[in-house]
N, C-alpha and C. Protein backbone atom coordinates (compact mmCIF):
# COMPACT_ATOMS: atom_id res chain seq x y z
N MET A 1 57.17 67.13 129.26
CA MET A 1 56.59 68.35 128.69
C MET A 1 57.03 69.55 129.52
N SER A 2 57.42 70.58 128.85
CA SER A 2 57.84 71.80 129.56
C SER A 2 56.92 72.94 129.17
N HIS A 3 56.79 73.90 130.08
CA HIS A 3 55.94 75.06 129.84
C HIS A 3 56.76 76.32 130.04
N ASN A 4 56.61 77.28 129.12
CA ASN A 4 57.25 78.58 129.29
C ASN A 4 56.42 79.42 130.24
N LYS A 5 57.08 80.06 131.17
CA LYS A 5 56.40 80.91 132.15
C LYS A 5 56.47 82.35 131.69
N ILE A 6 55.29 82.98 131.48
CA ILE A 6 55.24 84.35 130.99
C ILE A 6 55.26 85.32 132.17
N THR A 7 56.17 86.25 132.13
CA THR A 7 56.22 87.31 133.12
C THR A 7 56.18 88.66 132.41
N VAL A 8 55.74 89.69 133.14
CA VAL A 8 55.71 91.05 132.61
C VAL A 8 56.44 91.95 133.59
N GLY A 9 57.47 92.61 133.11
CA GLY A 9 58.24 93.46 134.01
C GLY A 9 58.82 92.68 135.18
N GLY A 10 59.11 91.40 134.94
CA GLY A 10 59.66 90.55 136.00
C GLY A 10 58.62 90.06 136.99
N GLN A 11 57.35 90.34 136.73
CA GLN A 11 56.29 89.97 137.66
C GLN A 11 55.48 88.80 137.12
N ASN A 12 55.19 87.85 138.02
CA ASN A 12 54.43 86.66 137.65
C ASN A 12 52.93 86.94 137.68
N PRO A 13 52.18 86.31 136.83
CA PRO A 13 50.72 86.46 136.91
C PRO A 13 50.16 85.76 138.14
N SER A 14 49.02 86.27 138.60
CA SER A 14 48.34 85.63 139.71
C SER A 14 47.58 84.40 139.20
N SER A 15 46.89 83.73 140.11
CA SER A 15 46.14 82.54 139.72
C SER A 15 45.03 82.86 138.74
N THR A 16 44.61 84.12 138.69
CA THR A 16 43.56 84.53 137.76
C THR A 16 44.13 85.12 136.48
N GLY A 17 45.46 85.16 136.38
CA GLY A 17 46.09 85.66 135.17
C GLY A 17 46.43 87.14 135.19
N ASP A 18 46.15 87.84 136.31
CA ASP A 18 46.45 89.27 136.41
C ASP A 18 47.92 89.47 136.76
N VAL A 19 48.49 90.55 136.21
CA VAL A 19 49.87 90.91 136.51
C VAL A 19 49.89 92.32 137.08
N THR A 20 50.44 92.49 138.27
CA THR A 20 50.54 93.81 138.91
C THR A 20 51.96 94.34 138.70
N ILE A 21 52.05 95.52 138.10
CA ILE A 21 53.36 96.09 137.78
C ILE A 21 53.48 97.47 138.40
N GLY A 22 54.56 97.74 139.09
CA GLY A 22 54.87 99.05 139.63
C GLY A 22 55.87 99.75 138.72
N LEU A 23 56.03 101.06 138.89
CA LEU A 23 56.99 101.79 138.06
C LEU A 23 58.39 101.21 138.17
N ASN A 24 58.77 100.78 139.38
CA ASN A 24 60.11 100.25 139.58
C ASN A 24 60.34 98.92 138.87
N ASN A 25 59.24 98.28 138.43
CA ASN A 25 59.39 97.02 137.71
C ASN A 25 59.78 97.23 136.25
N LEU A 26 59.69 98.48 135.80
CA LEU A 26 60.06 98.78 134.42
C LEU A 26 61.57 98.99 134.33
N SER A 27 62.18 98.46 133.27
CA SER A 27 63.64 98.45 133.20
C SER A 27 64.25 99.83 133.06
N ASP A 28 63.50 100.81 132.55
CA ASP A 28 64.07 102.15 132.35
C ASP A 28 63.56 103.17 133.35
N VAL A 29 63.04 102.70 134.50
CA VAL A 29 62.52 103.60 135.54
C VAL A 29 63.22 103.30 136.86
N THR A 30 63.67 104.37 137.54
CA THR A 30 64.28 104.24 138.86
C THR A 30 63.61 105.22 139.81
N ILE A 31 62.93 104.69 140.83
CA ILE A 31 62.23 105.53 141.80
C ILE A 31 62.96 105.44 143.13
N SER A 32 63.28 106.61 143.70
CA SER A 32 64.00 106.64 144.96
C SER A 32 63.40 107.69 145.89
N SER A 33 62.88 107.27 147.03
CA SER A 33 62.34 108.18 148.06
C SER A 33 61.35 109.18 147.44
N ALA A 34 60.35 108.68 146.77
CA ALA A 34 59.36 109.55 146.12
C ALA A 34 58.61 110.38 147.15
N SER A 35 58.28 111.61 146.79
CA SER A 35 57.55 112.51 147.68
C SER A 35 56.46 113.24 146.89
N SER A 36 55.58 113.92 147.61
CA SER A 36 54.46 114.62 146.99
C SER A 36 54.94 115.67 146.00
N ASP A 37 54.19 115.80 144.90
CA ASP A 37 54.40 116.82 143.86
C ASP A 37 55.61 116.56 142.97
N GLN A 38 56.27 115.41 143.15
CA GLN A 38 57.35 115.08 142.22
C GLN A 38 56.77 114.55 140.91
N VAL A 39 57.61 114.57 139.86
CA VAL A 39 57.20 114.08 138.55
C VAL A 39 58.22 113.08 138.06
N LEU A 40 57.83 112.34 137.01
CA LEU A 40 58.74 111.40 136.37
C LEU A 40 59.41 112.12 135.21
N GLN A 41 60.74 112.15 135.21
CA GLN A 41 61.48 112.92 134.21
C GLN A 41 62.63 112.08 133.67
N TYR A 42 62.84 112.17 132.35
CA TYR A 42 63.92 111.42 131.72
C TYR A 42 65.25 112.16 131.90
N ASP A 43 66.27 111.48 132.42
CA ASP A 43 67.55 112.14 132.71
C ASP A 43 68.62 111.84 131.66
N GLY A 44 68.23 111.24 130.56
CA GLY A 44 69.18 110.91 129.50
C GLY A 44 69.44 109.43 129.40
N SER A 45 69.20 108.69 130.49
CA SER A 45 69.40 107.25 130.45
C SER A 45 68.22 106.47 131.01
N SER A 46 67.48 107.09 131.92
CA SER A 46 66.30 106.43 132.51
C SER A 46 65.33 107.48 133.04
N PHE A 47 64.13 107.02 133.37
CA PHE A 47 63.14 107.89 133.99
C PHE A 47 63.30 107.85 135.51
N VAL A 48 63.40 109.03 136.12
CA VAL A 48 63.61 109.12 137.57
C VAL A 48 62.59 110.09 138.16
N ASN A 49 62.31 109.92 139.45
CA ASN A 49 61.43 110.88 140.13
C ASN A 49 62.24 112.11 140.53
N THR A 50 61.65 113.27 140.30
CA THR A 50 62.37 114.51 140.58
C THR A 50 61.39 115.63 140.85
N THR A 51 61.88 116.70 141.47
CA THR A 51 61.09 117.92 141.67
C THR A 51 61.47 118.91 140.60
N LEU A 52 60.49 119.41 139.89
CA LEU A 52 60.77 120.37 138.83
C LEU A 52 61.41 121.62 139.40
N SER A 53 62.48 122.08 138.74
CA SER A 53 63.16 123.28 139.21
C SER A 53 63.07 124.43 138.22
N GLY A 54 62.51 124.17 137.05
CA GLY A 54 62.41 125.21 136.04
C GLY A 54 61.32 126.21 136.36
N PRO A 55 61.30 127.37 135.68
CA PRO A 55 60.29 128.40 135.94
C PRO A 55 58.92 127.96 135.42
N LEU A 56 57.92 128.03 136.27
CA LEU A 56 56.57 127.66 135.90
C LEU A 56 55.63 128.85 135.95
N GLU A 57 56.12 129.97 136.45
CA GLU A 57 55.25 131.13 136.62
C GLU A 57 55.01 131.85 135.30
N ILE A 58 53.89 132.57 135.26
CA ILE A 58 53.58 133.44 134.13
C ILE A 58 53.79 134.88 134.58
N SER A 59 54.51 135.63 133.80
CA SER A 59 54.84 137.01 134.17
C SER A 59 54.21 137.97 133.17
N GLY A 60 53.26 138.79 133.64
CA GLY A 60 52.61 139.75 132.77
C GLY A 60 53.56 140.87 132.35
N LYS A 61 53.61 141.16 131.05
CA LYS A 61 54.50 142.19 130.53
C LYS A 61 53.77 143.34 129.85
N PHE A 62 52.54 143.10 129.39
CA PHE A 62 51.82 144.15 128.68
C PHE A 62 50.32 143.87 128.80
N THR A 63 49.59 144.81 129.40
CA THR A 63 48.14 144.67 129.55
C THR A 63 47.48 146.03 129.32
N VAL A 64 46.42 146.04 128.53
CA VAL A 64 45.64 147.25 128.29
C VAL A 64 44.16 146.88 128.27
N PHE A 65 43.34 147.65 128.98
CA PHE A 65 41.89 147.53 128.84
C PHE A 65 41.25 148.89 129.07
N GLN A 66 40.08 149.08 128.51
CA GLN A 66 39.45 150.38 128.50
C GLN A 66 38.74 150.70 129.81
N LYS A 67 38.84 151.94 130.25
CA LYS A 67 38.09 152.40 131.40
C LYS A 67 36.60 152.51 131.06
N ILE A 68 35.75 152.32 132.07
CA ILE A 68 34.30 152.39 131.87
C ILE A 68 33.89 153.77 131.37
N SER A 69 34.57 154.81 131.86
CA SER A 69 34.16 156.19 131.56
C SER A 69 34.71 156.72 130.24
N ALA A 70 35.44 155.90 129.47
CA ALA A 70 36.08 156.37 128.25
C ALA A 70 35.04 156.84 127.22
N VAL A 71 35.35 157.98 126.59
CA VAL A 71 34.49 158.52 125.53
C VAL A 71 35.38 158.93 124.36
N TYR A 72 35.21 158.31 123.20
CA TYR A 72 35.92 158.67 121.99
C TYR A 72 35.30 157.91 120.83
N SER A 73 35.64 158.30 119.64
CA SER A 73 35.17 157.60 118.45
C SER A 73 36.31 157.50 117.45
N SER A 74 36.13 156.65 116.46
CA SER A 74 37.14 156.53 115.42
C SER A 74 36.47 156.08 114.13
N SER A 75 37.22 156.12 113.04
CA SER A 75 36.66 155.75 111.74
C SER A 75 37.75 155.11 110.89
N GLY A 76 37.33 154.49 109.82
CA GLY A 76 38.26 153.82 108.92
C GLY A 76 37.81 152.40 108.68
N ASN A 77 38.06 151.89 107.48
CA ASN A 77 37.61 150.56 107.08
C ASN A 77 38.76 149.57 107.02
N TYR A 78 38.52 148.36 107.53
CA TYR A 78 39.53 147.30 107.48
C TYR A 78 39.56 146.63 106.12
N ASP A 79 40.77 146.22 105.72
CA ASP A 79 40.98 145.36 104.56
C ASP A 79 41.74 144.12 105.03
N VAL A 80 41.72 143.09 104.22
CA VAL A 80 42.50 141.89 104.53
C VAL A 80 43.98 142.26 104.64
N ASN A 81 44.65 141.69 105.62
CA ASN A 81 46.06 141.90 105.97
C ASN A 81 46.30 143.16 106.80
N ASP A 82 45.25 143.93 107.11
CA ASP A 82 45.41 145.04 108.05
C ASP A 82 45.67 144.52 109.46
N TYR A 83 46.47 145.29 110.23
CA TYR A 83 46.63 145.01 111.65
C TYR A 83 45.46 145.66 112.39
N LEU A 84 45.04 145.04 113.50
CA LEU A 84 43.96 145.64 114.27
C LEU A 84 44.38 147.01 114.81
N PHE A 85 43.45 147.92 114.77
CA PHE A 85 43.61 149.33 115.16
C PHE A 85 43.05 149.44 116.58
N LEU A 86 43.97 149.39 117.58
CA LEU A 86 43.57 149.21 118.98
C LEU A 86 43.95 150.42 119.83
N SER A 87 43.09 150.78 120.76
CA SER A 87 43.35 151.89 121.66
C SER A 87 44.66 151.66 122.41
N ARG A 88 45.55 152.68 122.41
CA ARG A 88 46.93 152.48 122.83
C ARG A 88 47.13 152.61 124.34
N ASP A 89 48.14 151.91 124.82
CA ASP A 89 48.47 151.93 126.25
C ASP A 89 48.83 153.31 126.76
N THR A 90 49.28 154.21 125.89
CA THR A 90 49.71 155.55 126.29
C THR A 90 48.54 156.48 126.63
N GLN A 91 47.31 156.07 126.33
CA GLN A 91 46.14 156.92 126.55
C GLN A 91 45.58 156.69 127.95
N GLY A 92 46.19 157.36 128.93
CA GLY A 92 45.85 157.15 130.33
C GLY A 92 44.45 157.59 130.71
N THR A 93 43.88 158.57 130.00
CA THR A 93 42.52 159.01 130.32
C THR A 93 41.49 158.02 129.78
N ARG A 94 41.91 157.18 128.88
CA ARG A 94 41.00 156.25 128.20
C ARG A 94 41.15 154.82 128.70
N ASN A 95 42.40 154.43 129.00
CA ASN A 95 42.70 153.03 129.29
C ASN A 95 43.38 152.86 130.64
N ASN A 96 43.19 151.68 131.21
CA ASN A 96 44.06 151.20 132.28
C ASN A 96 45.12 150.31 131.63
N SER A 97 46.34 150.42 132.10
CA SER A 97 47.39 149.62 131.46
C SER A 97 48.51 149.30 132.43
N PHE A 98 49.20 148.20 132.15
CA PHE A 98 50.47 147.87 132.80
C PHE A 98 51.43 147.47 131.69
N VAL A 99 52.57 148.12 131.62
CA VAL A 99 53.54 147.84 130.58
C VAL A 99 54.93 147.74 131.20
N ASP A 100 55.58 146.61 131.01
CA ASP A 100 56.99 146.47 131.35
C ASP A 100 57.77 146.75 130.07
N ALA A 101 58.20 148.00 129.93
CA ALA A 101 58.79 148.46 128.68
C ALA A 101 60.17 147.87 128.41
N SER A 102 60.70 147.11 129.37
CA SER A 102 61.95 146.41 129.09
C SER A 102 61.69 145.12 128.30
N PHE A 103 60.42 144.71 128.22
CA PHE A 103 60.05 143.50 127.48
C PHE A 103 59.20 143.80 126.24
N VAL A 104 58.18 144.68 126.39
CA VAL A 104 57.22 144.91 125.31
C VAL A 104 56.90 146.39 125.22
N THR A 105 56.88 146.93 124.02
CA THR A 105 56.40 148.29 123.77
C THR A 105 55.46 148.27 122.57
N SER A 106 54.64 149.30 122.45
CA SER A 106 53.66 149.35 121.36
C SER A 106 54.11 150.31 120.27
N ASN A 107 53.59 150.10 119.07
CA ASN A 107 53.85 150.96 117.92
C ASN A 107 52.56 151.68 117.51
N PRO A 108 52.64 152.98 117.20
CA PRO A 108 51.44 153.71 116.80
C PRO A 108 50.87 153.20 115.48
N ALA A 109 49.56 153.34 115.31
CA ALA A 109 48.90 152.89 114.09
C ALA A 109 49.34 153.73 112.90
N THR A 110 49.54 153.06 111.77
CA THR A 110 49.92 153.73 110.53
C THR A 110 48.97 153.33 109.42
N ALA A 111 48.82 154.21 108.45
CA ALA A 111 47.96 153.90 107.30
C ALA A 111 48.55 152.78 106.46
N THR A 112 49.84 152.54 106.58
CA THR A 112 50.48 151.47 105.82
C THR A 112 50.01 150.09 106.27
N ASN A 113 49.85 149.93 107.60
CA ASN A 113 49.53 148.61 108.15
C ASN A 113 48.12 148.48 108.69
N SER A 114 47.46 149.60 108.97
CA SER A 114 46.15 149.54 109.62
C SER A 114 45.17 150.46 108.89
N VAL A 115 44.07 150.83 109.57
CA VAL A 115 43.04 151.60 108.88
C VAL A 115 43.43 153.05 108.68
N LYS A 116 44.32 153.58 109.53
CA LYS A 116 44.75 154.97 109.38
C LYS A 116 45.93 155.25 110.30
N SER A 117 46.57 156.37 110.11
CA SER A 117 47.64 156.82 111.00
C SER A 117 47.02 157.58 112.17
N ASN A 118 47.35 157.16 113.38
CA ASN A 118 46.83 157.81 114.58
C ASN A 118 47.62 157.30 115.78
N ASP A 119 48.40 158.17 116.43
CA ASP A 119 49.27 157.71 117.51
C ASP A 119 48.52 157.47 118.82
N LYS A 120 47.21 157.71 118.84
CA LYS A 120 46.42 157.34 120.01
C LYS A 120 45.97 155.88 119.95
N PHE A 121 46.27 155.25 118.82
CA PHE A 121 45.96 153.85 118.62
C PHE A 121 47.25 153.09 118.30
N MET A 122 47.24 151.80 118.52
CA MET A 122 48.43 150.99 118.27
C MET A 122 48.11 149.88 117.29
N GLU A 123 49.14 149.44 116.57
CA GLU A 123 48.95 148.39 115.58
C GLU A 123 49.80 147.15 115.85
N SER A 124 50.85 147.28 116.67
CA SER A 124 51.75 146.15 116.86
C SER A 124 52.58 146.34 118.14
N PHE A 125 53.35 145.29 118.47
CA PHE A 125 54.06 145.23 119.75
C PHE A 125 55.48 144.72 119.52
N ASN A 126 56.44 145.46 120.03
CA ASN A 126 57.85 145.08 119.92
C ASN A 126 58.24 144.16 121.07
N ILE A 127 58.85 143.03 120.75
CA ILE A 127 59.38 142.11 121.76
C ILE A 127 60.86 142.42 121.94
N LEU A 128 61.21 142.92 123.12
CA LEU A 128 62.57 143.41 123.35
C LEU A 128 63.48 142.39 124.02
N GLN A 129 62.90 141.30 124.52
CA GLN A 129 63.70 140.22 125.10
C GLN A 129 63.19 138.89 124.56
N ALA A 130 64.10 138.08 124.07
CA ALA A 130 63.72 136.79 123.51
C ALA A 130 63.06 135.92 124.58
N GLY A 131 62.13 135.09 124.15
CA GLY A 131 61.47 134.20 125.10
C GLY A 131 60.17 133.67 124.52
N THR A 132 59.46 132.92 125.35
CA THR A 132 58.17 132.37 124.97
C THR A 132 57.06 133.21 125.58
N TYR A 133 56.12 133.63 124.75
CA TYR A 133 55.10 134.58 125.18
C TYR A 133 53.69 134.02 124.87
N LEU A 134 52.80 134.23 125.84
CA LEU A 134 51.38 133.95 125.66
C LEU A 134 50.69 135.26 125.32
N CYS A 135 49.99 135.30 124.19
CA CYS A 135 49.38 136.53 123.69
C CYS A 135 47.86 136.35 123.63
N ILE A 136 47.13 137.26 124.24
CA ILE A 136 45.67 137.18 124.29
C ILE A 136 45.09 138.54 123.93
N CYS A 137 44.13 138.56 123.04
CA CYS A 137 43.43 139.79 122.71
C CYS A 137 41.93 139.52 122.69
N SER A 138 41.19 140.27 123.48
CA SER A 138 39.74 140.27 123.39
C SER A 138 39.38 141.28 122.32
N VAL A 139 38.98 140.78 121.15
CA VAL A 139 38.89 141.59 119.94
C VAL A 139 37.51 142.24 119.82
N PRO A 140 37.47 143.57 119.70
CA PRO A 140 36.20 144.25 119.46
C PRO A 140 35.86 144.24 117.97
N LEU A 141 34.61 144.52 117.67
CA LEU A 141 34.17 144.54 116.27
C LEU A 141 33.10 145.61 116.09
N LYS A 142 33.20 146.37 115.00
CA LYS A 142 32.15 147.30 114.61
C LYS A 142 31.73 146.97 113.19
N SER A 143 30.52 146.40 113.06
CA SER A 143 30.01 146.00 111.76
C SER A 143 28.50 145.83 111.84
N THR A 144 27.83 146.06 110.73
CA THR A 144 26.38 145.84 110.68
C THR A 144 26.01 144.71 109.72
N ASP A 145 27.01 144.13 109.06
CA ASP A 145 26.68 143.11 108.07
C ASP A 145 27.70 141.98 107.97
N GLY A 146 28.68 141.93 108.87
CA GLY A 146 29.68 140.87 108.74
C GLY A 146 30.64 140.83 109.90
N GLY A 147 31.92 140.73 109.57
CA GLY A 147 32.95 140.63 110.60
C GLY A 147 34.28 140.29 109.97
N TYR A 148 35.16 139.64 110.76
CA TYR A 148 36.46 139.27 110.23
C TYR A 148 37.03 138.07 110.97
N VAL A 149 37.97 137.42 110.30
CA VAL A 149 38.76 136.36 110.92
C VAL A 149 40.13 136.95 111.24
N VAL A 150 40.53 136.87 112.51
CA VAL A 150 41.80 137.47 112.92
C VAL A 150 42.70 136.41 113.55
N ARG A 151 43.99 136.71 113.56
CA ARG A 151 44.98 135.78 114.12
C ARG A 151 46.21 136.56 114.54
N TRP A 152 46.87 136.09 115.58
CA TRP A 152 48.15 136.68 115.96
C TRP A 152 49.20 136.37 114.88
N HIS A 153 50.05 137.36 114.62
CA HIS A 153 51.16 137.19 113.67
C HIS A 153 52.44 137.72 114.31
N SER A 154 53.55 137.14 113.90
CA SER A 154 54.89 137.67 114.21
C SER A 154 55.56 137.99 112.89
N ASN A 155 56.83 138.36 112.93
CA ASN A 155 57.56 138.59 111.69
C ASN A 155 57.69 137.32 110.86
N ALA A 156 57.56 136.15 111.52
CA ALA A 156 57.67 134.87 110.81
C ALA A 156 56.34 134.39 110.24
N GLY A 157 55.23 135.06 110.59
CA GLY A 157 53.92 134.64 110.09
C GLY A 157 52.93 134.40 111.21
N GLY A 158 51.79 133.80 110.85
CA GLY A 158 50.71 133.58 111.81
C GLY A 158 51.05 132.51 112.84
N PHE A 159 50.50 132.68 114.04
CA PHE A 159 50.65 131.66 115.09
C PHE A 159 49.40 131.66 115.95
N GLY A 160 49.14 130.52 116.58
CA GLY A 160 47.94 130.40 117.41
C GLY A 160 46.69 130.16 116.58
N ALA A 161 45.56 130.11 117.26
CA ALA A 161 44.29 129.81 116.61
C ALA A 161 43.70 131.05 115.95
N LYS A 162 42.97 130.84 114.86
CA LYS A 162 42.22 131.92 114.24
C LYS A 162 40.92 132.12 115.00
N SER A 163 40.42 133.35 114.98
CA SER A 163 39.15 133.67 115.63
C SER A 163 38.22 134.33 114.63
N ASP A 164 37.05 133.72 114.41
CA ASP A 164 36.06 134.24 113.46
C ASP A 164 35.03 135.04 114.25
N ILE A 165 35.05 136.36 114.08
CA ILE A 165 34.22 137.26 114.88
C ILE A 165 33.17 137.89 113.98
N TYR A 166 31.91 137.72 114.35
CA TYR A 166 30.80 138.15 113.51
C TYR A 166 29.95 139.17 114.25
N TYR A 167 29.26 140.02 113.49
CA TYR A 167 28.58 141.17 114.10
C TYR A 167 27.45 140.79 115.05
N THR A 168 26.91 139.57 114.93
CA THR A 168 25.86 139.15 115.86
C THR A 168 26.42 138.78 117.24
N ASN A 169 27.75 138.62 117.32
CA ASN A 169 28.39 138.38 118.61
C ASN A 169 28.79 139.73 119.19
N ARG A 170 27.95 140.31 120.00
CA ARG A 170 28.13 141.69 120.45
C ARG A 170 29.28 141.87 121.44
N THR A 171 29.81 140.78 121.97
CA THR A 171 30.90 140.89 122.94
C THR A 171 32.28 140.63 122.32
N GLY A 172 32.36 140.55 120.99
CA GLY A 172 33.65 140.30 120.36
C GLY A 172 34.08 138.86 120.51
N GLY A 173 35.37 138.60 120.50
CA GLY A 173 35.88 137.24 120.63
C GLY A 173 37.34 137.25 121.02
N LEU A 174 37.83 136.10 121.49
CA LEU A 174 39.22 135.98 121.91
C LEU A 174 40.09 135.43 120.80
N VAL A 175 41.29 135.98 120.67
CA VAL A 175 42.30 135.39 119.79
C VAL A 175 43.54 135.17 120.64
N ILE A 176 44.05 133.93 120.61
CA ILE A 176 45.10 133.51 121.54
C ILE A 176 46.21 132.81 120.77
N GLY A 177 47.46 133.06 121.16
CA GLY A 177 48.59 132.37 120.56
C GLY A 177 49.77 132.33 121.50
N ILE A 178 50.62 131.33 121.33
CA ILE A 178 51.88 131.21 122.08
C ILE A 178 53.02 131.17 121.08
N ILE A 179 54.04 131.97 121.33
CA ILE A 179 55.17 132.05 120.40
C ILE A 179 56.49 132.13 121.16
N THR A 180 57.50 131.47 120.63
CA THR A 180 58.87 131.68 121.09
C THR A 180 59.48 132.70 120.15
N ALA A 181 59.66 133.91 120.66
CA ALA A 181 60.02 135.05 119.82
C ALA A 181 61.47 135.46 120.02
N PRO A 182 62.16 135.83 118.96
CA PRO A 182 63.51 136.37 119.09
C PRO A 182 63.46 137.85 119.50
N VAL A 183 64.59 138.38 119.87
CA VAL A 183 64.69 139.82 120.16
C VAL A 183 64.28 140.61 118.92
N ASN A 184 63.52 141.68 119.16
CA ASN A 184 63.06 142.61 118.12
C ASN A 184 62.02 142.02 117.17
N ASP A 185 61.39 140.91 117.58
CA ASP A 185 60.23 140.45 116.83
C ASP A 185 59.10 141.45 117.03
N VAL A 186 58.18 141.49 116.09
CA VAL A 186 57.03 142.40 116.18
C VAL A 186 55.75 141.57 116.08
N LEU A 187 54.90 141.67 117.09
CA LEU A 187 53.66 140.91 117.12
C LEU A 187 52.48 141.82 116.79
N ARG A 188 51.44 141.27 116.17
CA ARG A 188 50.25 142.02 115.84
C ARG A 188 49.09 141.06 115.62
N VAL A 189 47.88 141.59 115.70
CA VAL A 189 46.68 140.82 115.37
C VAL A 189 46.25 141.26 113.98
N VAL A 190 46.15 140.30 113.05
CA VAL A 190 45.97 140.61 111.64
C VAL A 190 44.61 140.10 111.14
N VAL A 191 43.97 140.91 110.30
CA VAL A 191 42.73 140.50 109.64
C VAL A 191 43.11 139.58 108.48
N GLU A 192 42.78 138.29 108.60
CA GLU A 192 43.12 137.33 107.54
C GLU A 192 41.98 137.17 106.53
N VAL A 193 40.75 137.33 107.01
CA VAL A 193 39.58 137.22 106.14
C VAL A 193 38.59 138.30 106.57
N GLU A 194 37.95 138.94 105.61
CA GLU A 194 36.89 139.90 105.92
C GLU A 194 35.58 139.40 105.34
N ASN A 195 34.56 139.36 106.17
CA ASN A 195 33.24 138.94 105.76
C ASN A 195 32.30 140.13 105.86
N GLY A 196 31.86 140.69 104.74
CA GLY A 196 31.11 141.92 104.80
C GLY A 196 32.05 143.07 105.05
N SER A 197 31.65 144.01 105.92
CA SER A 197 32.50 145.16 106.21
C SER A 197 32.78 145.24 107.70
N ALA A 198 33.92 145.81 108.05
CA ALA A 198 34.30 146.04 109.44
C ALA A 198 35.06 147.35 109.51
N THR A 199 34.76 148.16 110.52
CA THR A 199 35.38 149.47 110.64
C THR A 199 36.09 149.60 111.97
N ALA A 200 36.88 150.67 112.10
CA ALA A 200 37.59 150.94 113.35
C ALA A 200 36.60 151.09 114.49
N THR A 201 36.97 150.58 115.65
CA THR A 201 36.08 150.59 116.81
C THR A 201 36.34 151.80 117.69
N GLY A 202 35.28 152.26 118.35
CA GLY A 202 35.36 153.36 119.31
C GLY A 202 35.07 152.87 120.71
N ALA A 203 34.76 153.79 121.59
CA ALA A 203 34.59 153.48 123.01
C ALA A 203 33.48 152.47 123.25
N ASN A 204 32.40 152.56 122.50
CA ASN A 204 31.26 151.66 122.74
C ASN A 204 31.64 150.21 122.47
N GLN A 205 32.27 149.94 121.33
CA GLN A 205 32.67 148.57 121.01
C GLN A 205 33.83 148.09 121.89
N ASN A 206 34.68 149.03 122.28
CA ASN A 206 35.88 148.64 123.04
C ASN A 206 35.62 148.36 124.51
N LYS A 207 34.36 148.36 124.91
CA LYS A 207 34.03 147.93 126.27
C LYS A 207 34.44 146.47 126.48
N SER A 208 34.53 145.71 125.41
CA SER A 208 34.93 144.31 125.51
C SER A 208 36.40 144.10 125.15
N TYR A 209 37.12 145.19 124.90
CA TYR A 209 38.50 145.08 124.41
C TYR A 209 39.52 144.97 125.54
N SER A 210 40.45 144.07 125.39
CA SER A 210 41.64 144.04 126.24
C SER A 210 42.74 143.29 125.50
N ILE A 211 43.96 143.55 125.91
CA ILE A 211 45.09 142.84 125.31
C ILE A 211 46.10 142.52 126.40
N HIS A 212 46.65 141.31 126.34
CA HIS A 212 47.57 140.84 127.38
C HIS A 212 48.70 140.05 126.73
N ILE A 213 49.93 140.35 127.12
CA ILE A 213 51.10 139.59 126.68
C ILE A 213 51.86 139.16 127.92
N PHE A 214 51.99 137.84 128.08
CA PHE A 214 52.67 137.25 129.24
C PHE A 214 53.94 136.55 128.79
N LYS A 215 54.98 136.64 129.61
CA LYS A 215 56.18 135.86 129.34
C LYS A 215 56.10 134.56 130.14
N LEU A 216 56.28 133.45 129.48
CA LEU A 216 56.18 132.14 130.13
C LEU A 216 57.54 131.66 130.62
């Protein structure tokens, strides 16, 4: 009588039937002089230990948030497909901002795309260098009976998660998306659904407003 001996990864079971396997026991893995913080990476033929050399940092390219002392008001009603009407980075008495204009610039609000034409407010952002971008907006809301669902959009359409912001949430809400954008893409936060009514926000509502675009 003969018995077949079962092995796993070239390793024999113990007397209790357990099999201990290391990474090097796998046929498509080669580990050599492993050190701290290395990762397992496929090199085209096998998995090897290596130190990542690619860029892992996040680089801020566009940030705007309102100063505590800001005083202003605005008006106008949102409709579905309108871009958010946001206090612009160029308003130094109203906002704190950091803008790397070699990567991102803002476009003034127009009645075509937003609630009204006003160059003290912005409706969208030009991407001047291709790359992958993390986009975050802390969205303000002015409403007494509803709110809106908003989402980041590019020229190719919506990206990232939708954010449903309702008037009982007095601090607004976050809308976040990641996009690999070509040169001259235009990003904006768009009202996809309106629940009740929502109007342009002023200084009081914009205490919770900020916008950030990072290059990954």
